[in-house]
Amino acid sequence: MIYLGIDGGGTKTVFLVADDQLHELQRFETGPSNWFSTGEDASRKAISDGISLLRHRPDAVCAGFAGAGRPESLAFYTRTLQALLPHARIVVESDAFTGYIGAIGPVPGVLLIAGTGSICLGRKADQTAVRVGGWGPQFSDEGSGFWIGREAIRTALILADRREQADFTDIVARSLGIASIHDIVSAWNTGRIAVPHIAALFPEVAKLYPSEPAGRILKEAAAHLRRLTESAVELVQVEGCVISLAGSVARHPLMRDLIGIDFTDPRHPPERGAVIWARECRAQDGFKGSGDG
């Protein structure tokens, strides 16, 4: 039996192929596949590019995608994968769910995920799912890479208007590939700059810490992520439950320190969580989704 696990987010899509003993057979990455932030065409291309690189035909597939908790997004991912892999048994989950399975397993706990977006997922003792945040870049995703990048741009625009701290403003503009920070509006409106580009500002902002305004931005982001985690822990209601983390922002040493929570390192990455869940569902002779966010 060959299993394919997919972890699709706003920055990249990771594919992992494993055998029945979960031995890794193939691992590779393609572009972003978050339907909500990159659109159908880019998402479909990232997925199809990955499927075209497979050296083994999977019997069972579990794919965790950002935004897959929304019905229209779930339908898109399921339809796309079924068209590309018509002979495989397929289940689509949220990337938060597969990330949880990889990091903690099917036991009570809390997982903070912060990369391009942010969300906190928990599971109670009765396996009931708990979700805090993760409602997309427009209205939520506090403390995420996109939130940090957007705050850096907002701050740079204010500083440019005041003719202050040109060094920070220039760094933000240069990282975005634009001549002036004021060009961000047209670049966003024309689609030349999108959610992944803004989220990619996070490493540049982190390099500037603790100087201001980078220090303020990152401390505020950490406070948001701590709030998400503490809210989920309160809802899970299991004393001493495992609290883990995933994503490029949450796992960054600086952010982990600023959040100030004693996190347990994840057992496995999200794509392996997807493989584990694919095998679990196959063993149960059915791909019944979890319904999680």
Protein backbone atom coordinates (compact mmCIF):
# COMPACT_ATOMS: atom_id res chain seq x y z
CA MET A 1 0.00 0.00 0.00
CA ILE A 2 1.33 3.42 -0.99
CA TYR A 3 0.23 6.54 0.87
CA LEU A 4 0.49 10.16 -0.20
CA GLY A 5 0.36 12.97 2.33
CA ILE A 6 0.04 16.58 1.22
CA ASP A 7 0.49 19.72 3.30
CA GLY A 8 -0.75 22.73 1.36
CA GLY A 9 -0.35 26.26 2.62
CA GLY A 10 0.03 29.85 1.55
CA THR A 11 3.77 29.63 0.90
CA LYS A 12 4.41 26.09 -0.33
CA THR A 13 2.90 22.64 -0.81
CA VAL A 14 4.77 19.61 0.54
CA PHE A 15 4.25 16.10 -0.81
CA LEU A 16 5.30 12.96 1.09
CA VAL A 17 5.01 9.42 -0.26
CA ALA A 18 5.36 6.50 2.16
CA ASP A 19 4.83 2.76 2.24
CA ASP A 20 2.70 0.70 4.61
CA GLN A 21 5.37 0.92 7.32
CA LEU A 22 5.48 4.70 6.84
CA HIS A 23 8.97 4.55 5.35
CA GLU A 24 9.55 7.66 3.27
CA LEU A 25 9.75 6.96 -0.45
CA GLN A 26 9.65 10.49 -1.85
CA ARG A 27 9.39 14.07 -0.57
CA PHE A 28 9.29 17.34 -2.53
CA GLU A 29 7.70 20.81 -2.64
CA THR A 30 5.78 22.93 -5.12
CA GLY A 31 4.28 26.42 -4.91
CA PRO A 32 1.49 27.74 -2.65
CA SER A 33 -1.91 26.04 -2.79
CA ASN A 34 -4.06 28.06 -0.41
CA TRP A 35 -7.18 28.47 -2.54
CA PHE A 36 -8.35 31.36 -0.40
CA SER A 37 -5.25 33.54 -0.85
CA THR A 38 -3.73 32.43 -4.17
CA GLY A 39 -6.86 31.59 -6.20
CA GLU A 40 -7.93 28.47 -8.06
CA ASP A 41 -5.43 28.62 -10.90
CA ALA A 42 -2.32 28.90 -8.74
CA SER A 43 -3.63 26.31 -6.28
CA ARG A 44 -4.51 23.84 -9.01
CA LYS A 45 -1.08 24.30 -10.62
CA ALA A 46 0.78 23.66 -7.36
CA ILE A 47 -1.20 20.46 -6.82
CA SER A 48 -0.95 19.19 -10.40
CA ASP A 49 2.77 20.01 -10.53
CA GLY A 50 3.27 17.86 -7.47
CA ILE A 51 1.20 14.95 -8.74
CA SER A 52 3.21 14.98 -11.97
CA LEU A 53 6.40 14.40 -9.96
CA LEU A 54 5.16 11.26 -8.21
CA ARG A 55 7.29 8.17 -8.84
CA HIS A 56 4.75 5.91 -7.11
CA ARG A 57 1.03 5.65 -7.69
CA PRO A 58 -0.69 6.23 -4.33
CA ASP A 59 -3.49 3.97 -3.17
CA ALA A 60 -4.65 6.36 -0.48
CA VAL A 61 -4.24 10.12 -0.16
CA CYS A 62 -4.76 12.51 2.72
CA ALA A 63 -4.31 16.19 1.93
CA GLY A 64 -4.32 18.96 4.50
CA PHE A 65 -4.96 22.36 2.96
CA ALA A 66 -5.22 25.81 4.44
CA GLY A 67 -8.85 26.86 4.25
CA ALA A 68 -10.19 23.37 3.58
CA GLY A 69 -12.67 23.79 6.42
CA ARG A 70 -14.77 26.04 4.18
CA PRO A 71 -17.27 24.04 2.07
CA GLU A 72 -16.39 25.72 -1.24
CA SER A 73 -12.66 25.26 -0.62
CA LEU A 74 -13.11 21.63 0.44
CA ALA A 75 -15.09 20.94 -2.74
CA PHE A 76 -12.37 22.53 -4.89
CA TYR A 77 -9.53 20.48 -3.36
CA THR A 78 -11.50 17.24 -3.45
CA ARG A 79 -12.52 17.78 -7.07
CA THR A 80 -8.96 18.66 -8.10
CA LEU A 81 -7.38 15.62 -6.46
CA GLN A 82 -10.03 13.21 -7.71
CA ALA A 83 -9.42 14.40 -11.26
CA LEU A 84 -5.65 13.95 -10.93
CA LEU A 85 -5.75 10.66 -8.98
CA PRO A 86 -8.98 8.92 -10.05
CA HIS A 87 -7.91 5.51 -8.75
CA ALA A 88 -6.85 6.64 -5.27
CA ARG A 89 -9.00 6.91 -2.18
CA ILE A 90 -8.89 10.52 -1.11
CA VAL A 91 -9.66 12.50 2.03
CA VAL A 92 -9.20 16.24 2.37
CA GLU A 93 -8.76 17.87 5.76
CA SER A 94 -7.68 21.27 7.01
CA ASP A 95 -3.94 21.72 7.31
CA ALA A 96 -4.54 22.42 10.99
CA PHE A 97 -5.96 18.92 11.47
CA THR A 98 -3.15 17.07 9.66
CA GLY A 99 -0.65 19.31 11.43
CA TYR A 100 -2.21 18.28 14.74
CA ILE A 101 -2.05 14.58 13.92
CA GLY A 102 1.61 14.92 12.98
CA ALA A 103 2.61 17.04 15.96
CA ILE A 104 0.57 15.44 18.74
CA GLY A 105 -1.36 12.43 17.45
CA PRO A 106 -5.04 11.57 18.05
CA VAL A 107 -4.89 12.51 21.75
CA PRO A 108 -5.98 15.58 23.76
CA GLY A 109 -3.79 18.63 23.31
CA VAL A 110 -3.34 21.99 21.66
CA LEU A 111 -1.42 22.89 18.51
CA LEU A 112 -0.53 26.46 17.60
CA ILE A 113 0.10 26.88 13.88
CA ALA A 114 1.59 30.13 12.64
CA GLY A 115 3.11 30.40 9.20
CA THR A 116 1.53 32.43 6.42
CA GLY A 117 -1.67 32.32 8.47
CA SER A 118 -2.40 31.37 12.08
CA ILE A 119 -4.81 29.10 13.92
CA CYS A 120 -4.91 27.13 17.15
CA LEU A 121 -6.43 23.66 17.12
CA GLY A 122 -7.27 21.58 20.17
CA ARG A 123 -8.83 18.23 20.93
CA LYS A 124 -10.71 17.43 24.12
CA ALA A 125 -10.63 14.13 25.99
CA ASP A 126 -13.74 13.02 24.08
CA GLN A 127 -11.96 13.90 20.77
CA THR A 128 -14.18 16.93 20.20
CA ALA A 129 -12.32 19.51 18.14
CA VAL A 130 -11.62 23.03 19.36
CA ARG A 131 -10.65 25.86 17.05
CA VAL A 132 -9.46 29.38 17.82
CA GLY A 133 -8.69 31.88 15.05
CA GLY A 134 -7.67 31.03 11.52
CA TRP A 135 -10.45 32.91 9.74
CA GLY A 136 -8.28 34.15 6.87
CA PRO A 137 -5.97 37.11 6.24
CA GLN A 138 -8.71 39.70 5.78
CA PHE A 139 -10.29 39.31 9.21
CA SER A 140 -8.09 37.06 11.32
CA ASP A 141 -4.73 35.18 11.25
CA GLU A 142 -3.39 37.35 14.06
CA GLY A 143 0.36 37.05 14.67
CA SER A 144 0.93 35.18 11.41
CA GLY A 145 3.55 35.88 8.75
CA PHE A 146 0.95 37.80 6.77
CA TRP A 147 -0.10 39.80 9.83
CA ILE A 148 3.53 40.68 10.57
CA GLY A 149 4.20 41.62 6.95
CA ARG A 150 1.05 43.71 6.71
CA GLU A 151 1.94 45.51 9.95
CA ALA A 152 5.45 46.16 8.62
CA ILE A 153 3.99 47.69 5.45
CA ARG A 154 1.46 49.76 7.39
CA THR A 155 4.21 51.06 9.66
CA ALA A 156 6.51 51.76 6.70
CA LEU A 157 3.79 53.84 5.03
CA ILE A 158 3.29 55.88 8.19
CA LEU A 159 7.03 56.45 8.55
CA ALA A 160 7.32 57.45 4.89
CA ASP A 161 4.57 60.03 5.33
CA ARG A 162 6.45 61.43 8.32
CA ARG A 163 9.81 61.27 6.52
CA GLU A 164 11.13 59.15 9.40
CA GLN A 165 13.23 55.96 9.62
CA ALA A 166 13.90 55.69 5.91
CA ASP A 167 16.12 52.67 6.58
CA PHE A 168 13.14 50.56 7.75
CA THR A 169 10.94 51.78 4.93
CA ASP A 170 13.64 50.99 2.36
CA ILE A 171 14.15 47.47 3.72
CA VAL A 172 10.43 46.70 3.47
CA ALA A 173 10.17 48.09 -0.07
CA ARG A 174 13.31 46.30 -1.24
CA SER A 175 12.13 42.99 0.24
CA LEU A 176 8.89 43.35 -1.70
CA GLY A 177 10.74 44.15 -4.92
CA ILE A 178 9.24 47.63 -5.32
CA ALA A 179 11.06 50.94 -5.78
CA SER A 180 9.07 52.83 -3.16
CA ILE A 181 6.83 51.72 -0.32
CA HIS A 182 4.07 53.83 -1.89
CA ASP A 183 4.10 51.43 -4.86
CA ILE A 184 2.59 48.73 -2.64
CA VAL A 185 -0.98 49.83 -3.37
CA SER A 186 -0.76 49.40 -7.14
CA ALA A 187 1.33 46.23 -6.77
CA TRP A 188 -1.37 44.70 -4.54
CA ASN A 189 -4.26 45.85 -6.72
CA THR A 190 -2.70 44.37 -9.86
CA GLY A 191 -1.83 41.09 -8.13
CA ARG A 192 1.92 41.51 -8.54
CA ILE A 193 2.20 41.27 -4.77
CA ALA A 194 -0.07 38.83 -2.94
CA VAL A 195 -0.45 37.21 0.47
CA PRO A 196 2.66 34.96 0.18
CA HIS A 197 4.90 37.93 -0.70
CA ILE A 198 3.69 39.89 2.31
CA ALA A 199 4.08 36.90 4.62
CA ALA A 200 7.64 36.50 3.33
CA LEU A 201 8.54 39.79 5.04
CA PHE A 202 8.62 38.00 8.40
CA PRO A 203 12.28 36.87 8.23
CA GLU A 204 13.36 40.38 7.28
CA VAL A 205 11.48 41.88 10.21
CA ALA A 206 12.94 39.24 12.55
CA LYS A 207 16.47 40.19 11.48
CA LEU A 208 15.81 43.76 12.67
CA TYR A 209 14.75 42.74 16.19
CA PRO A 210 15.04 44.28 18.80
CA SER A 211 15.29 47.63 17.00
CA GLU A 212 12.06 49.54 16.48
CA PRO A 213 9.58 49.25 14.92
CA ALA A 214 10.43 45.57 14.38
CA GLY A 215 10.49 44.98 18.13
CA ARG A 216 6.97 46.29 18.62
CA ILE A 217 5.57 44.38 15.65
CA LEU A 218 7.01 41.04 16.75
CA LYS A 219 6.02 41.49 20.39
CA GLU A 220 2.46 42.26 19.35
CA ALA A 221 2.44 39.22 17.06
CA ALA A 222 3.69 37.03 19.92
CA ALA A 223 0.97 38.39 22.21
CA HIS A 224 -1.67 37.44 19.64
CA LEU A 225 -0.27 33.92 19.31
CA ARG A 226 -0.10 33.50 23.08
CA ARG A 227 -3.74 34.57 23.36
CA LEU A 228 -4.80 32.03 20.71
CA THR A 229 -2.95 29.26 22.53
CA GLU A 230 -4.23 30.13 26.00
CA SER A 231 -7.81 30.34 24.70
CA ALA A 232 -7.53 26.88 23.16
CA VAL A 233 -6.01 25.40 26.32
CA GLU A 234 -8.90 26.80 28.34
CA LEU A 235 -11.44 25.28 25.95
CA VAL A 236 -9.77 21.84 25.86
CA GLN A 237 -10.10 21.53 29.65
CA VAL A 238 -7.45 18.83 30.04
CA GLU A 239 -4.92 19.69 32.72
CA GLY A 240 -1.34 19.18 31.60
CA CYS A 241 -2.27 18.45 27.98
CA VAL A 242 0.43 18.57 25.33
CA ILE A 243 0.91 22.03 23.80
CA SER A 244 2.88 22.00 20.57
CA LEU A 245 3.54 24.34 17.69
CA ALA A 246 4.07 24.31 13.93
CA GLY A 247 4.75 26.76 11.13
CA SER A 248 7.69 28.96 10.22
CA VAL A 249 6.63 31.83 12.46
CA ALA A 250 5.66 29.86 15.58
CA ARG A 251 8.79 27.69 15.42
CA HIS A 252 11.18 30.58 14.86
CA PRO A 253 13.42 30.69 17.98
CA LEU A 254 12.79 34.40 18.51
CA MET A 255 9.00 34.10 18.28
CA ARG A 256 8.96 30.99 20.43
CA ASP A 257 10.83 32.94 23.10
CA LEU A 258 8.56 35.97 22.80
CA ILE A 259 5.38 33.87 23.04
CA GLY A 260 6.68 32.55 26.35
CA ILE A 261 4.83 29.23 26.51
CA ASP A 262 6.54 25.92 27.30
CA PHE A 263 5.84 24.19 24.00
CA THR A 264 6.58 20.55 23.25
CA ASP A 265 8.38 19.99 19.96
CA PRO A 266 6.13 18.37 17.33
CA ARG A 267 6.59 14.64 16.82
CA HIS A 268 6.27 14.83 13.04
CA PRO A 269 5.72 17.51 10.36
CA PRO A 270 2.21 18.07 8.89
CA GLU A 271 2.82 16.08 5.72
CA ARG A 272 3.68 13.03 7.80
CA GLY A 273 0.57 13.68 9.85
CA ALA A 274 -1.36 13.48 6.57
CA VAL A 275 0.27 10.14 5.74
CA ILE A 276 -0.49 8.81 9.21
CA TRP A 277 -4.14 9.84 8.86
CA ALA A 278 -4.36 8.33 5.37
CA ARG A 279 -3.21 4.99 6.77
CA GLU A 280 -5.54 5.31 9.76
CA CYS A 281 -8.53 6.00 7.53
CA ARG A 282 -7.57 3.16 5.19
CA ALA A 283 -7.36 0.78 8.13
CA GLN A 284 -10.87 1.82 9.12
CA ASP A 285 -11.96 1.04 5.55
CA GLY A 286 -13.28 4.47 4.79
CA PHE A 287 -12.24 8.04 4.39
CA LYS A 288 -14.52 9.86 6.74
CA GLY A 289 -13.26 13.41 7.26
CA SER A 290 -12.87 14.88 10.70
CA GLY A 291 -14.84 18.01 9.88
CA ASP A 292 -12.26 20.11 11.72
CA GLY A 293 -11.82 23.80 10.77
